[in-house]
Structure formats: C-alpha cells, structure tokens
Amino acid sequence: MSLCGDDHPKLIARINRIEGQVRGLKKMVEENRDCLQVLKQVAAASGALRSLGTVILEDHLKGCVTKAIINRENESELIDQVVDLFNKFSR
C-alpha cells in the first residue's frame, strides 16, 4: 500500500530537516559538545519525527482507512492496524 496523502514534497521537506537535525547531533557528539545541548537537539529531532508520524497517520486515517470503511474492505483488520499504530505512537 502506498502513502495515502498526496503532498509528498512537504513530507520530503520534513524528512530533509530531520536528516539535518540528526547530522547535527552526530557532529555535536563528534565535537564532544555539552550534554544539555545534545539532549535539546535529541528532543527536537524526536519531536520532529513524532510530528512527521502524526501527519502521515492523519493522512492514512483520512485516506486509506476511510476508503476501506466506505467500501467495506477488511474493516476489522484495518481497525486492528490503527489500534496498533496508536499504541506505538503513545509510547
């Protein structure tokens, strides 16, 4: 199954920013930077990943899941998948 949303350029832009954050983290560790600065950057990268996941999850619910429910295709399986995703995101 492919991505449900159609705004892939925005997703790619977010991923590129996250990649930059992670490269910055690596550089900070290589340079033996202050722990608090590194931890702040870790928190920022983690938040950016959560935000990206939320956008993709919303697109999935509005697109793929909605279509499947309307067409009555694998409803219980999709609900199980969504519950599993929510559990993963709530950790």
C-alpha atoms as a PDB file:
ATOM      1  CA  MET A   1       0.000   0.000   0.000  1.00  0.00           C
ATOM      2  CA  SER A   2       1.358   3.432  -0.904  1.00  0.00           C
ATOM      3  CA  LEU A   3       1.197   6.641   1.119  1.00  0.00           C
ATOM      4  CA  CYS A   4      -2.349   7.968   1.359  1.00  0.00           C
ATOM      5  CA  GLY A   5      -1.609  11.689   1.217  1.00  0.00           C
ATOM      6  CA  ASP A   6      -0.641  13.426  -1.978  1.00  0.00           C
ATOM      7  CA  ASP A   7       1.625  16.151  -0.607  1.00  0.00           C
ATOM      8  CA  HIS A   8       4.852  14.190  -0.809  1.00  0.00           C
ATOM      9  CA  PRO A   9       7.053  17.268  -1.348  1.00  0.00           C
ATOM     10  CA  LYS A  10       6.075  18.553   2.115  1.00  0.00           C
ATOM     11  CA  LEU A  11       6.846  15.164   3.656  1.00  0.00           C
ATOM     12  CA  ILE A  12      10.221  15.090   1.898  1.00  0.00           C
ATOM     13  CA  ALA A  13      10.984  18.604   3.172  1.00  0.00           C
ATOM     14  CA  ARG A  14      10.200  17.497   6.745  1.00  0.00           C
ATOM     15  CA  ILE A  15      12.377  14.414   6.362  1.00  0.00           C
ATOM     16  CA  ASN A  16      15.224  16.532   4.999  1.00  0.00           C
ATOM     17  CA  ARG A  17      15.011  18.795   8.061  1.00  0.00           C
ATOM     18  CA  ILE A  18      15.056  15.738  10.341  1.00  0.00           C
ATOM     19  CA  GLU A  19      18.096  14.383   8.497  1.00  0.00           C
ATOM     20  CA  GLY A  20      19.808  17.716   9.081  1.00  0.00           C
ATOM     21  CA  GLN A  21      18.979  17.554  12.775  1.00  0.00           C
ATOM     22  CA  VAL A  22      20.400  14.048  13.051  1.00  0.00           C
ATOM     23  CA  ARG A  23      23.567  15.045  11.182  1.00  0.00           C
ATOM     24  CA  GLY A  24      23.841  17.972  13.588  1.00  0.00           C
ATOM     25  CA  LEU A  25      23.537  15.569  16.505  1.00  0.00           C
ATOM     26  CA  LYS A  26      26.314  13.406  15.143  1.00  0.00           C
ATOM     27  CA  LYS A  27      28.542  16.438  14.718  1.00  0.00           C
ATOM     28  CA  MET A  28      27.772  17.609  18.261  1.00  0.00           C
ATOM     29  CA  VAL A  29      28.816  14.220  19.661  1.00  0.00           C
ATOM     30  CA  GLU A  30      31.943  14.140  17.492  1.00  0.00           C
ATOM     31  CA  GLU A  31      32.836  17.600  18.822  1.00  0.00           C
ATOM     32  CA  ASN A  32      32.185  16.481  22.401  1.00  0.00           C
ATOM     33  CA  ARG A  33      29.604  19.228  22.950  1.00  0.00           C
ATOM     34  CA  ASP A  34      27.799  19.897  26.217  1.00  0.00           C
ATOM     35  CA  CYS A  35      25.327  17.189  27.289  1.00  0.00           C
ATOM     36  CA  LEU A  36      22.436  19.626  27.675  1.00  0.00           C
ATOM     37  CA  GLN A  37      22.909  20.993  24.158  1.00  0.00           C
ATOM     38  CA  VAL A  38      22.964  17.470  22.741  1.00  0.00           C
ATOM     39  CA  LEU A  39      19.885  16.469  24.734  1.00  0.00           C
ATOM     40  CA  LYS A  40      17.982  19.527  23.491  1.00  0.00           C
ATOM     41  CA  GLN A  41      18.822  18.546  19.927  1.00  0.00           C
ATOM     42  CA  VAL A  42      17.731  14.947  20.610  1.00  0.00           C
ATOM     43  CA  ALA A  43      14.403  16.259  21.917  1.00  0.00           C
ATOM     44  CA  ALA A  44      13.980  18.469  18.847  1.00  0.00           C
ATOM     45  CA  ALA A  45      14.686  15.591  16.445  1.00  0.00           C
ATOM     46  CA  SER A  46      12.385  13.288  18.381  1.00  0.00           C
ATOM     47  CA  GLY A  47       9.594  15.865  18.261  1.00  0.00           C
ATOM     48  CA  ALA A  48      10.093  16.352  14.542  1.00  0.00           C
ATOM     49  CA  LEU A  49       9.808  12.587  13.959  1.00  0.00           C
ATOM     50  CA  ARG A  50       6.650  12.397  16.087  1.00  0.00           C
ATOM     51  CA  SER A  51       5.174  15.287  14.133  1.00  0.00           C
ATOM     52  CA  LEU A  52       6.003  13.610  10.814  1.00  0.00           C
ATOM     53  CA  GLY A  53       4.394  10.390  12.032  1.00  0.00           C
ATOM     54  CA  THR A  54       1.284  12.272  13.099  1.00  0.00           C
ATOM     55  CA  VAL A  55       0.893  13.858   9.663  1.00  0.00           C
ATOM     56  CA  ILE A  56       1.279  10.501   7.918  1.00  0.00           C
ATOM     57  CA  LEU A  57      -1.113   8.826  10.371  1.00  0.00           C
ATOM     58  CA  GLU A  58      -3.717  11.531   9.782  1.00  0.00           C
ATOM     59  CA  ASP A  59      -3.396  11.098   6.009  1.00  0.00           C
ATOM     60  CA  HIS A  60      -3.758   7.333   6.469  1.00  0.00           C
ATOM     61  CA  LEU A  61      -6.924   7.720   8.539  1.00  0.00           C
ATOM     62  CA  LYS A  62      -8.469  10.280   6.196  1.00  0.00           C
ATOM     63  CA  GLY A  63      -7.465   8.400   3.063  1.00  0.00           C
ATOM     64  CA  CYS A  64      -6.841   4.676   3.187  1.00  0.00           C
ATOM     65  CA  VAL A  65      -8.894   3.811   6.265  1.00  0.00           C
ATOM     66  CA  THR A  66     -11.868   5.970   5.267  1.00  0.00           C
ATOM     67  CA  LYS A  67     -11.960   4.450   1.772  1.00  0.00           C
ATOM     68  CA  ALA A  68     -11.758   0.922   3.160  1.00  0.00           C
ATOM     69  CA  ILE A  69     -14.607   1.543   5.603  1.00  0.00           C
ATOM     70  CA  ILE A  70     -16.798   3.124   2.916  1.00  0.00           C
ATOM     71  CA  ASN A  71     -16.089   0.194   0.582  1.00  0.00           C
ATOM     72  CA  ARG A  72     -16.405  -2.296   3.463  1.00  0.00           C
ATOM     73  CA  GLU A  73     -12.966  -3.781   2.758  1.00  0.00           C
ATOM     74  CA  ASN A  74     -11.135  -5.523   5.605  1.00  0.00           C
ATOM     75  CA  GLU A  75     -12.696  -3.234   8.224  1.00  0.00           C
ATOM     76  CA  SER A  76     -11.703  -5.261  11.286  1.00  0.00           C
ATOM     77  CA  GLU A  77      -8.160  -5.755  10.032  1.00  0.00           C
ATOM     78  CA  LEU A  78      -7.783  -2.015   9.417  1.00  0.00           C
ATOM     79  CA  ILE A  79      -9.156  -1.174  12.842  1.00  0.00           C
ATOM     80  CA  ASP A  80      -6.629  -3.568  14.399  1.00  0.00           C
ATOM     81  CA  GLN A  81      -3.844  -1.893  12.426  1.00  0.00           C
ATOM     82  CA  VAL A  82      -4.948   1.578  13.541  1.00  0.00           C
ATOM     83  CA  VAL A  83      -5.139   0.496  17.178  1.00  0.00           C
ATOM     84  CA  ASP A  84      -1.636  -0.959  16.858  1.00  0.00           C
ATOM     85  CA  LEU A  85      -0.387   2.314  15.363  1.00  0.00           C
ATOM     86  CA  PHE A  86      -1.928   4.357  18.172  1.00  0.00           C
ATOM     87  CA  ASN A  87      -0.250   2.068  20.691  1.00  0.00           C
ATOM     88  CA  LYS A  88       3.125   2.586  19.010  1.00  0.00           C
ATOM     89  CA  PHE A  89       2.682   6.360  18.919  1.00  0.00           C
ATOM     90  CA  SER A  90       1.623   6.546  22.557  1.00  0.00           C
ATOM     91  CA  ARG A  91       4.930   5.109  23.832  1.00  0.00           C
END
